[in-house]
N, C-alpha and C. Protein backbone atom coordinates (compact mmCIF):
# COMPACT_ATOMS: atom_id res chain seq x y z
N MET A 1 -31.59 148.36 143.86
CA MET A 1 -30.81 149.14 142.93
C MET A 1 -29.46 148.44 142.77
N LEU A 2 -29.04 148.29 141.53
CA LEU A 2 -27.76 147.67 141.22
C LEU A 2 -26.78 148.76 140.80
N SER A 3 -25.62 148.79 141.45
CA SER A 3 -24.58 149.77 141.15
C SER A 3 -23.26 149.05 140.98
N TYR A 4 -22.40 149.62 140.15
CA TYR A 4 -21.04 149.11 139.96
C TYR A 4 -20.11 150.13 140.59
N ARG A 5 -19.42 149.72 141.67
CA ARG A 5 -18.72 150.67 142.52
C ARG A 5 -17.24 150.35 142.66
N ILE A 6 -16.47 151.42 142.90
CA ILE A 6 -15.09 151.27 143.34
C ILE A 6 -15.16 150.92 144.82
N THR A 7 -14.58 149.79 145.17
CA THR A 7 -14.51 149.42 146.59
C THR A 7 -13.07 149.46 147.08
N GLU A 8 -12.14 149.45 146.12
CA GLU A 8 -10.72 149.58 146.41
C GLU A 8 -10.10 150.27 145.20
N TRP A 9 -9.30 151.33 145.46
CA TRP A 9 -8.71 152.08 144.35
C TRP A 9 -7.95 151.15 143.41
N GLY A 10 -8.25 151.23 142.11
CA GLY A 10 -7.55 150.47 141.09
C GLY A 10 -8.03 149.04 140.92
N ALA A 11 -8.92 148.57 141.78
CA ALA A 11 -9.44 147.20 141.68
C ALA A 11 -10.68 147.19 140.78
N PRO A 12 -11.04 146.02 140.24
CA PRO A 12 -12.25 145.96 139.40
C PRO A 12 -13.47 146.50 140.14
N LEU A 13 -14.37 147.12 139.38
CA LEU A 13 -15.62 147.60 139.98
C LEU A 13 -16.39 146.42 140.53
N GLU A 14 -17.10 146.65 141.62
CA GLU A 14 -17.85 145.58 142.28
C GLU A 14 -19.35 145.87 142.17
N ALA A 15 -20.11 144.86 141.73
CA ALA A 15 -21.56 144.99 141.68
C ALA A 15 -22.10 144.94 143.10
N GLN A 16 -22.93 145.93 143.45
CA GLN A 16 -23.54 145.97 144.77
C GLN A 16 -25.02 146.28 144.62
N GLU A 17 -25.84 145.58 145.39
CA GLU A 17 -27.28 145.82 145.37
C GLU A 17 -27.71 146.41 146.70
N GLU A 18 -28.64 147.33 146.64
CA GLU A 18 -29.22 147.94 147.83
C GLU A 18 -30.59 148.47 147.46
N ALA A 19 -31.33 148.92 148.45
CA ALA A 19 -32.66 149.48 148.19
C ALA A 19 -32.53 150.74 147.34
N THR A 20 -33.44 150.92 146.42
CA THR A 20 -33.47 152.15 145.63
C THR A 20 -33.83 153.30 146.57
N PRO A 21 -33.05 154.39 146.54
CA PRO A 21 -33.32 155.49 147.48
C PRO A 21 -34.64 156.20 147.19
N ASP A 22 -35.25 156.69 148.25
CA ASP A 22 -36.44 157.54 148.13
C ASP A 22 -35.96 158.99 148.15
N PRO A 23 -36.31 159.77 147.13
CA PRO A 23 -35.86 161.16 147.12
C PRO A 23 -36.49 161.94 148.28
N GLN A 24 -35.67 162.81 148.88
CA GLN A 24 -36.09 163.66 150.00
C GLN A 24 -36.04 165.11 149.56
N GLY A 25 -36.77 165.97 150.23
CA GLY A 25 -36.72 167.41 149.96
C GLY A 25 -36.88 167.72 148.48
N SER A 26 -35.88 168.40 147.90
CA SER A 26 -35.93 168.79 146.49
C SER A 26 -35.30 167.76 145.56
N GLU A 27 -34.92 166.60 146.09
CA GLU A 27 -34.23 165.59 145.29
C GLU A 27 -35.15 164.98 144.23
N VAL A 28 -34.50 164.53 143.14
CA VAL A 28 -35.19 163.85 142.04
C VAL A 28 -34.47 162.53 141.80
N LEU A 29 -35.23 161.46 141.66
CA LEU A 29 -34.67 160.15 141.37
C LEU A 29 -34.80 159.87 139.87
N LEU A 30 -33.65 159.59 139.24
CA LEU A 30 -33.63 159.22 137.83
C LEU A 30 -33.38 157.73 137.70
N ARG A 31 -34.10 157.09 136.77
CA ARG A 31 -33.73 155.75 136.34
C ARG A 31 -32.73 155.96 135.22
N VAL A 32 -31.51 155.49 135.40
CA VAL A 32 -30.43 155.74 134.45
C VAL A 32 -30.70 154.95 133.16
N GLU A 33 -30.68 155.67 132.04
CA GLU A 33 -30.88 155.05 130.73
C GLU A 33 -29.57 154.98 129.95
N ALA A 34 -28.65 155.87 130.22
CA ALA A 34 -27.34 155.87 129.57
C ALA A 34 -26.37 156.65 130.46
N CYS A 35 -25.12 156.21 130.44
CA CYS A 35 -24.09 156.91 131.19
C CYS A 35 -22.79 156.77 130.42
N GLY A 36 -22.19 157.90 130.08
CA GLY A 36 -20.93 157.88 129.36
C GLY A 36 -19.79 157.44 130.25
N VAL A 37 -18.73 156.97 129.60
CA VAL A 37 -17.49 156.64 130.29
C VAL A 37 -16.48 157.70 129.88
N CYS A 38 -16.07 158.51 130.84
CA CYS A 38 -15.18 159.63 130.60
C CYS A 38 -13.76 159.22 130.99
N HIS A 39 -12.78 159.83 130.33
CA HIS A 39 -11.39 159.51 130.67
C HIS A 39 -11.09 159.81 132.14
N SER A 40 -11.72 160.84 132.70
CA SER A 40 -11.48 161.14 134.11
C SER A 40 -11.98 160.02 135.02
N ASP A 41 -12.94 159.21 134.55
CA ASP A 41 -13.38 158.05 135.34
C ASP A 41 -12.21 157.10 135.60
N LEU A 42 -11.30 157.00 134.64
CA LEU A 42 -10.14 156.13 134.82
C LEU A 42 -9.22 156.66 135.92
N HIS A 43 -9.05 157.98 135.96
CA HIS A 43 -8.21 158.57 137.02
C HIS A 43 -8.88 158.41 138.38
N ILE A 44 -10.18 158.62 138.41
CA ILE A 44 -10.91 158.47 139.68
C ILE A 44 -10.82 157.02 140.14
N TRP A 45 -10.98 156.08 139.22
CA TRP A 45 -10.88 154.66 139.55
C TRP A 45 -9.50 154.34 140.12
N ASP A 46 -8.45 154.95 139.56
CA ASP A 46 -7.09 154.77 140.08
C ASP A 46 -6.96 155.34 141.49
N GLY A 47 -7.75 156.38 141.79
CA GLY A 47 -7.69 157.00 143.11
C GLY A 47 -6.79 158.20 143.20
N TYR A 48 -6.26 158.65 142.04
CA TYR A 48 -5.38 159.81 142.08
C TYR A 48 -5.32 160.47 140.70
N PHE A 49 -4.86 161.72 140.71
CA PHE A 49 -4.55 162.44 139.49
C PHE A 49 -3.05 162.69 139.48
N ASP A 50 -2.39 162.32 138.39
CA ASP A 50 -0.95 162.51 138.24
C ASP A 50 -0.71 163.96 137.82
N MET A 51 -0.02 164.70 138.66
CA MET A 51 0.24 166.12 138.40
C MET A 51 1.56 166.34 137.68
N GLY A 52 2.27 165.25 137.37
CA GLY A 52 3.57 165.34 136.72
C GLY A 52 4.69 165.51 137.73
N GLY A 53 5.87 165.20 137.31
CA GLY A 53 7.03 165.35 138.19
C GLY A 53 6.97 164.48 139.43
N GLY A 54 6.26 163.36 139.35
CA GLY A 54 6.14 162.46 140.48
C GLY A 54 5.12 162.88 141.52
N ARG A 55 4.41 163.98 141.28
CA ARG A 55 3.40 164.46 142.23
C ARG A 55 2.04 163.88 141.88
N LYS A 56 1.32 163.47 142.92
CA LYS A 56 -0.03 162.93 142.75
C LYS A 56 -0.96 163.61 143.76
N VAL A 57 -2.19 163.83 143.33
CA VAL A 57 -3.24 164.28 144.23
C VAL A 57 -4.19 163.11 144.37
N THR A 58 -4.31 162.57 145.58
CA THR A 58 -5.18 161.43 145.77
C THR A 58 -6.60 161.90 146.11
N LEU A 59 -7.54 161.09 145.72
CA LEU A 59 -8.94 161.42 146.01
C LEU A 59 -9.23 161.24 147.50
N ALA A 60 -8.56 160.30 148.14
CA ALA A 60 -8.74 160.14 149.58
C ALA A 60 -8.34 161.41 150.31
N GLU A 61 -7.25 162.05 149.87
CA GLU A 61 -6.82 163.33 150.45
C GLU A 61 -7.87 164.43 150.24
N ARG A 62 -8.65 164.28 149.18
CA ARG A 62 -9.70 165.25 148.86
C ARG A 62 -11.03 164.90 149.52
N GLY A 63 -11.05 163.86 150.35
CA GLY A 63 -12.26 163.52 151.09
C GLY A 63 -13.19 162.54 150.41
N VAL A 64 -12.76 161.93 149.30
CA VAL A 64 -13.60 160.95 148.62
C VAL A 64 -13.52 159.63 149.38
N GLU A 65 -14.68 159.10 149.73
CA GLU A 65 -14.76 157.85 150.48
C GLU A 65 -15.29 156.74 149.59
N LEU A 66 -14.83 155.55 149.86
CA LEU A 66 -15.30 154.35 149.15
C LEU A 66 -16.32 153.63 150.01
N PRO A 67 -17.26 152.93 149.40
CA PRO A 67 -17.38 152.70 147.96
C PRO A 67 -17.92 153.94 147.26
N LEU A 68 -17.63 154.01 145.95
CA LEU A 68 -18.09 155.13 145.12
C LEU A 68 -18.57 154.59 143.78
N THR A 69 -19.75 155.04 143.38
CA THR A 69 -20.29 154.71 142.07
C THR A 69 -19.88 155.80 141.10
N LEU A 70 -19.06 155.43 140.10
CA LEU A 70 -18.62 156.38 139.08
C LEU A 70 -19.77 156.79 138.17
N GLY A 71 -19.46 157.66 137.21
CA GLY A 71 -20.41 158.01 136.16
C GLY A 71 -21.00 159.39 136.33
N HIS A 72 -20.45 160.38 135.59
CA HIS A 72 -20.96 161.74 135.69
C HIS A 72 -21.61 162.20 134.38
N GLU A 73 -21.73 161.33 133.40
CA GLU A 73 -22.40 161.66 132.13
C GLU A 73 -23.70 160.87 132.07
N ILE A 74 -24.74 161.41 132.71
CA ILE A 74 -25.95 160.63 133.02
C ILE A 74 -27.17 161.16 132.27
N VAL A 75 -27.90 160.24 131.66
CA VAL A 75 -29.20 160.52 131.08
C VAL A 75 -30.18 159.54 131.71
N GLY A 76 -31.35 160.04 132.07
CA GLY A 76 -32.33 159.14 132.67
C GLY A 76 -33.74 159.67 132.61
N GLU A 77 -34.62 158.87 133.18
CA GLU A 77 -36.04 159.21 133.26
C GLU A 77 -36.40 159.50 134.71
N VAL A 78 -37.11 160.60 134.93
CA VAL A 78 -37.58 160.94 136.27
C VAL A 78 -38.59 159.88 136.69
N VAL A 79 -38.31 159.21 137.83
CA VAL A 79 -39.23 158.18 138.32
C VAL A 79 -39.83 158.52 139.69
N ALA A 80 -39.22 159.47 140.40
CA ALA A 80 -39.77 159.89 141.70
C ALA A 80 -39.17 161.24 142.06
N MET A 81 -39.89 161.98 142.91
CA MET A 81 -39.44 163.29 143.34
C MET A 81 -39.73 163.45 144.82
N GLY A 82 -38.84 164.19 145.50
CA GLY A 82 -39.09 164.52 146.89
C GLY A 82 -40.25 165.49 146.99
N PRO A 83 -40.79 165.69 148.21
CA PRO A 83 -41.98 166.53 148.39
C PRO A 83 -41.77 168.00 148.02
N ASP A 84 -40.52 168.48 148.01
CA ASP A 84 -40.25 169.87 147.67
C ASP A 84 -39.73 170.04 146.25
N ALA A 85 -39.69 168.96 145.48
CA ALA A 85 -39.17 169.01 144.11
C ALA A 85 -40.23 169.57 143.17
N GLY A 86 -39.77 170.27 142.17
CA GLY A 86 -40.64 170.80 141.13
C GLY A 86 -39.83 171.00 139.87
N GLY A 87 -40.48 171.49 138.83
CA GLY A 87 -39.78 171.78 137.59
C GLY A 87 -39.63 170.61 136.65
N VAL A 88 -39.95 169.42 137.09
CA VAL A 88 -39.95 168.21 136.26
C VAL A 88 -41.14 167.37 136.67
N ALA A 89 -41.43 166.37 135.87
CA ALA A 89 -42.54 165.46 136.17
C ALA A 89 -42.08 164.03 135.97
N VAL A 90 -42.71 163.12 136.68
CA VAL A 90 -42.41 161.71 136.48
C VAL A 90 -42.62 161.38 135.01
N GLY A 91 -41.65 160.69 134.43
CA GLY A 91 -41.69 160.34 133.02
C GLY A 91 -40.83 161.23 132.14
N ASP A 92 -40.42 162.40 132.66
CA ASP A 92 -39.55 163.29 131.88
C ASP A 92 -38.19 162.64 131.66
N LYS A 93 -37.66 162.83 130.47
CA LYS A 93 -36.32 162.36 130.13
C LYS A 93 -35.37 163.55 130.28
N ARG A 94 -34.28 163.35 131.03
CA ARG A 94 -33.37 164.46 131.33
C ARG A 94 -31.92 164.02 131.34
N VAL A 95 -31.03 164.97 131.01
CA VAL A 95 -29.60 164.79 131.22
C VAL A 95 -29.28 165.51 132.53
N ALA A 96 -28.43 164.89 133.34
CA ALA A 96 -28.09 165.47 134.64
C ALA A 96 -26.79 166.25 134.54
N PHE A 97 -26.83 167.52 134.97
CA PHE A 97 -25.62 168.32 135.09
C PHE A 97 -24.92 167.84 136.35
N PRO A 98 -23.69 167.29 136.23
CA PRO A 98 -23.08 166.62 137.38
C PRO A 98 -22.26 167.51 138.30
N TRP A 99 -21.91 168.72 137.88
CA TRP A 99 -20.93 169.53 138.62
C TRP A 99 -21.62 170.36 139.69
N ILE A 100 -22.08 169.66 140.71
CA ILE A 100 -22.91 170.24 141.76
C ILE A 100 -22.05 170.55 142.98
N GLY A 101 -22.18 171.76 143.47
CA GLY A 101 -21.46 172.16 144.68
C GLY A 101 -22.21 171.74 145.94
N CYS A 102 -21.70 172.20 147.07
CA CYS A 102 -22.32 171.86 148.35
C CYS A 102 -23.66 172.57 148.53
N ARG A 103 -23.88 173.65 147.78
CA ARG A 103 -25.10 174.44 147.78
C ARG A 103 -25.24 175.32 149.03
N HIS A 104 -24.14 175.47 149.81
CA HIS A 104 -24.23 176.25 151.04
C HIS A 104 -23.09 177.26 151.20
N CYS A 105 -22.11 177.28 150.31
CA CYS A 105 -20.96 178.18 150.45
C CYS A 105 -21.14 179.40 149.55
N ALA A 106 -20.24 180.37 149.68
CA ALA A 106 -20.33 181.60 148.89
C ALA A 106 -20.29 181.33 147.38
N PRO A 107 -19.34 180.51 146.87
CA PRO A 107 -19.36 180.25 145.41
C PRO A 107 -20.68 179.61 144.95
N CYS A 108 -21.21 178.69 145.72
CA CYS A 108 -22.48 178.06 145.35
C CYS A 108 -23.63 179.08 145.36
N ASP A 109 -23.61 179.98 146.36
CA ASP A 109 -24.64 181.03 146.42
C ASP A 109 -24.59 181.93 145.20
N ARG A 110 -23.39 182.09 144.60
CA ARG A 110 -23.23 182.90 143.40
C ARG A 110 -23.52 182.10 142.13
N GLY A 111 -23.85 180.81 142.29
CA GLY A 111 -24.09 179.96 141.13
C GLY A 111 -22.83 179.43 140.50
N GLU A 112 -21.72 179.46 141.24
CA GLU A 112 -20.43 178.99 140.74
C GLU A 112 -20.06 177.66 141.39
N ASP A 113 -20.90 176.66 141.17
CA ASP A 113 -20.69 175.35 141.79
C ASP A 113 -19.30 174.79 141.54
N LEU A 114 -18.73 175.08 140.38
CA LEU A 114 -17.40 174.54 140.04
C LEU A 114 -16.30 175.10 140.94
N MET A 115 -16.56 176.18 141.65
CA MET A 115 -15.57 176.77 142.53
C MET A 115 -15.73 176.29 143.98
N CYS A 116 -16.70 175.44 144.22
CA CYS A 116 -16.99 174.94 145.57
C CYS A 116 -15.81 174.11 146.09
N LEU A 117 -15.47 174.30 147.34
CA LEU A 117 -14.38 173.54 147.96
C LEU A 117 -14.87 172.23 148.59
N ARG A 118 -16.19 172.05 148.66
CA ARG A 118 -16.78 170.81 149.18
C ARG A 118 -17.80 170.27 148.18
N PRO A 119 -17.35 169.99 146.95
CA PRO A 119 -18.30 169.64 145.89
C PRO A 119 -19.00 168.31 146.13
N LYS A 120 -20.16 168.21 145.51
CA LYS A 120 -20.97 166.99 145.53
C LYS A 120 -21.17 166.51 144.10
N TYR A 121 -20.09 166.54 143.32
CA TYR A 121 -20.16 166.19 141.91
C TYR A 121 -20.63 164.75 141.74
N LEU A 122 -21.66 164.57 140.92
CA LEU A 122 -22.19 163.23 140.66
C LEU A 122 -21.13 162.36 140.01
N GLY A 123 -20.93 161.18 140.55
CA GLY A 123 -20.02 160.20 139.96
C GLY A 123 -18.56 160.45 140.23
N THR A 124 -18.22 161.54 140.92
CA THR A 124 -16.83 161.80 141.27
C THR A 124 -16.66 162.06 142.76
N ARG A 125 -17.69 162.55 143.41
CA ARG A 125 -17.67 162.79 144.87
C ARG A 125 -18.82 162.09 145.57
N VAL A 126 -19.95 161.95 144.89
CA VAL A 126 -21.10 161.20 145.39
C VAL A 126 -21.50 160.21 144.31
N HIS A 127 -22.32 159.25 144.67
CA HIS A 127 -22.69 158.18 143.74
C HIS A 127 -23.27 158.72 142.43
N GLY A 128 -22.81 158.10 141.32
CA GLY A 128 -23.19 158.55 139.99
C GLY A 128 -23.97 157.52 139.21
N GLY A 129 -23.76 157.55 137.89
CA GLY A 129 -24.61 156.85 136.95
C GLY A 129 -24.23 155.44 136.56
N TYR A 130 -23.18 154.86 137.13
CA TYR A 130 -22.90 153.44 136.87
C TYR A 130 -23.81 152.63 137.77
N SER A 131 -25.08 152.88 137.63
CA SER A 131 -26.11 152.33 138.49
C SER A 131 -27.41 152.34 137.71
N ASP A 132 -28.43 151.70 138.23
CA ASP A 132 -29.70 151.78 137.51
C ASP A 132 -30.55 152.96 137.99
N HIS A 133 -30.16 153.62 139.10
CA HIS A 133 -30.83 154.83 139.57
C HIS A 133 -29.79 155.78 140.16
N VAL A 134 -30.11 157.07 140.13
CA VAL A 134 -29.24 158.08 140.74
C VAL A 134 -30.12 159.19 141.31
N ILE A 135 -29.69 159.72 142.46
CA ILE A 135 -30.36 160.87 143.07
C ILE A 135 -29.69 162.14 142.58
N VAL A 136 -30.50 163.08 142.11
CA VAL A 136 -30.04 164.42 141.73
C VAL A 136 -30.65 165.36 142.76
N PRO A 137 -29.82 166.23 143.38
CA PRO A 137 -30.32 167.00 144.52
C PRO A 137 -31.40 168.04 144.23
N HIS A 138 -31.53 168.45 142.97
CA HIS A 138 -32.52 169.48 142.64
C HIS A 138 -32.79 169.43 141.14
N SER A 139 -34.01 169.74 140.75
CA SER A 139 -34.36 169.69 139.32
C SER A 139 -33.62 170.74 138.49
N LYS A 140 -33.04 171.78 139.12
CA LYS A 140 -32.30 172.77 138.34
C LYS A 140 -31.06 172.17 137.68
N TYR A 141 -30.67 170.96 138.10
CA TYR A 141 -29.53 170.27 137.50
C TYR A 141 -29.96 169.28 136.42
N LEU A 142 -31.21 169.33 136.02
CA LEU A 142 -31.74 168.42 134.99
C LEU A 142 -32.15 169.22 133.77
N PHE A 143 -31.76 168.72 132.58
CA PHE A 143 -32.02 169.45 131.34
C PHE A 143 -32.64 168.53 130.30
N ASP A 144 -33.62 169.08 129.60
CA ASP A 144 -34.29 168.36 128.52
C ASP A 144 -33.30 168.20 127.37
N TYR A 145 -33.28 167.04 126.77
CA TYR A 145 -32.39 166.81 125.63
C TYR A 145 -33.17 166.42 124.38
N GLN A 146 -34.41 166.85 124.32
CA GLN A 146 -35.29 166.53 123.19
C GLN A 146 -34.60 166.84 121.87
N GLY A 147 -34.68 165.91 120.94
CA GLY A 147 -34.09 166.08 119.62
C GLY A 147 -32.66 165.57 119.50
N VAL A 148 -32.11 165.08 120.61
CA VAL A 148 -30.75 164.54 120.63
C VAL A 148 -30.83 163.11 121.16
N SER A 149 -30.08 162.19 120.57
CA SER A 149 -30.10 160.82 121.08
C SER A 149 -29.57 160.78 122.51
N ARG A 150 -30.10 159.89 123.31
CA ARG A 150 -29.67 159.83 124.72
C ARG A 150 -28.19 159.48 124.83
N ASN A 151 -27.67 158.66 123.91
CA ASN A 151 -26.25 158.28 123.99
C ASN A 151 -25.33 159.46 123.70
N LEU A 152 -25.78 160.40 122.90
CA LEU A 152 -25.02 161.62 122.66
C LEU A 152 -25.26 162.62 123.79
N ALA A 153 -26.51 162.74 124.22
CA ALA A 153 -26.87 163.72 125.25
C ALA A 153 -26.09 163.49 126.54
N CYS A 154 -25.85 162.25 126.90
CA CYS A 154 -25.13 162.00 128.16
C CYS A 154 -23.72 162.58 128.11
N THR A 155 -23.09 162.61 126.94
CA THR A 155 -21.74 163.16 126.85
C THR A 155 -21.72 164.67 126.99
N TYR A 156 -22.85 165.32 126.76
CA TYR A 156 -22.92 166.77 126.90
C TYR A 156 -22.68 167.21 128.34
N ALA A 157 -22.91 166.31 129.30
CA ALA A 157 -22.75 166.65 130.72
C ALA A 157 -21.29 166.87 131.09
N CYS A 158 -20.36 166.43 130.25
CA CYS A 158 -18.94 166.62 130.54
C CYS A 158 -18.23 167.22 129.33
N ALA A 159 -18.06 166.44 128.28
CA ALA A 159 -17.34 166.93 127.09
C ALA A 159 -18.04 168.14 126.49
N GLY A 160 -19.34 168.11 126.42
CA GLY A 160 -20.09 169.23 125.86
C GLY A 160 -19.96 170.48 126.70
N ILE A 161 -20.09 170.34 128.00
CA ILE A 161 -20.01 171.51 128.88
C ILE A 161 -18.58 172.03 128.95
N THR A 162 -17.59 171.15 128.77
CA THR A 162 -16.19 171.59 128.75
C THR A 162 -15.94 172.48 127.54
N ALA A 163 -16.42 172.06 126.37
CA ALA A 163 -16.24 172.86 125.16
C ALA A 163 -17.02 174.17 125.27
N TYR A 164 -18.24 174.11 125.80
CA TYR A 164 -19.05 175.31 125.97
C TYR A 164 -18.37 176.30 126.91
N SER A 165 -17.83 175.79 128.01
CA SER A 165 -17.13 176.64 128.98
C SER A 165 -15.93 177.33 128.34
N ALA A 166 -15.19 176.60 127.52
CA ALA A 166 -14.03 177.19 126.84
C ALA A 166 -14.48 178.31 125.90
N LEU A 167 -15.56 178.10 125.19
CA LEU A 167 -16.06 179.13 124.28
C LEU A 167 -16.54 180.36 125.04
N LYS A 168 -17.18 180.16 126.20
CA LYS A 168 -17.61 181.29 127.01
C LYS A 168 -16.40 182.10 127.48
N LYS A 169 -15.32 181.41 127.86
CA LYS A 169 -14.12 182.09 128.34
C LYS A 169 -13.41 182.84 127.22
N ALA A 170 -13.63 182.43 125.98
CA ALA A 170 -13.02 183.14 124.85
C ALA A 170 -13.60 184.54 124.72
N GLY A 171 -14.78 184.76 125.27
CA GLY A 171 -15.40 186.08 125.25
C GLY A 171 -16.05 186.38 123.92
N PRO A 172 -16.50 187.61 123.78
CA PRO A 172 -17.16 188.00 122.52
C PRO A 172 -16.18 187.90 121.35
N LEU A 173 -16.64 187.33 120.28
CA LEU A 173 -15.81 187.16 119.09
C LEU A 173 -16.37 188.01 117.96
N GLY A 174 -15.48 188.60 117.22
CA GLY A 174 -15.88 189.38 116.07
C GLY A 174 -15.88 188.54 114.81
N GLU A 175 -16.34 189.12 113.75
CA GLU A 175 -16.47 188.43 112.47
C GLU A 175 -15.13 187.90 111.96
N ASP A 176 -14.04 188.58 112.24
CA ASP A 176 -12.72 188.18 111.75
C ASP A 176 -11.90 187.39 112.77
N ASP A 177 -12.49 187.10 113.93
CA ASP A 177 -11.79 186.30 114.96
C ASP A 177 -11.86 184.83 114.62
N HIS A 178 -10.84 184.11 115.05
CA HIS A 178 -10.78 182.66 114.83
C HIS A 178 -10.59 181.96 116.15
N VAL A 179 -11.19 180.79 116.31
CA VAL A 179 -11.05 179.98 117.51
C VAL A 179 -10.73 178.56 117.07
N LEU A 180 -9.73 177.95 117.69
CA LEU A 180 -9.39 176.57 117.42
C LEU A 180 -9.73 175.75 118.64
N ILE A 181 -10.57 174.74 118.47
CA ILE A 181 -10.92 173.84 119.56
C ILE A 181 -10.22 172.52 119.30
N ILE A 182 -9.39 172.10 120.27
CA ILE A 182 -8.65 170.86 120.14
C ILE A 182 -9.27 169.83 121.06
N GLY A 183 -9.48 168.63 120.54
CA GLY A 183 -10.05 167.56 121.35
C GLY A 183 -11.38 167.12 120.78
N ALA A 184 -11.81 165.97 121.23
CA ALA A 184 -13.09 165.46 120.76
C ALA A 184 -13.92 165.05 121.94
């Protein structure tokens, strides 16, 4: 498996080869067909988020270890599954939902992976899609994108879900309500 990884914060990505992982338990192995480049990848590559006023939150402080394979906007083909995996079949084309929690805490038990304090987000906390293969921990994080080009579908894993989340937070809208969405 060939991956392009951060080996030092802010340094060029390094090509690294290793054995392609065998999925265990409920894991699914995708052969990556497309992976978007998100603006947050640049911050992760830098190793910190600028909070303004000279304050920074470093990823090392948040427990992120190097090397790390970026890429959280992933589309791929299912090529192998662990013995407990179901819900997909080898050959299926899927977009991977990257915002995966630890799957063991109270927020994760409620289905609120984004509130997890020990997240396993693909491409930001664990190895992601700047690789030719990626492990997804469960098929419930894989979605069919039939009818949409793979290059567009991969962006739905971040930009698309961000816009969708904002619309959900807006709540029920009436016929005379207006919503302005800023950003692309």
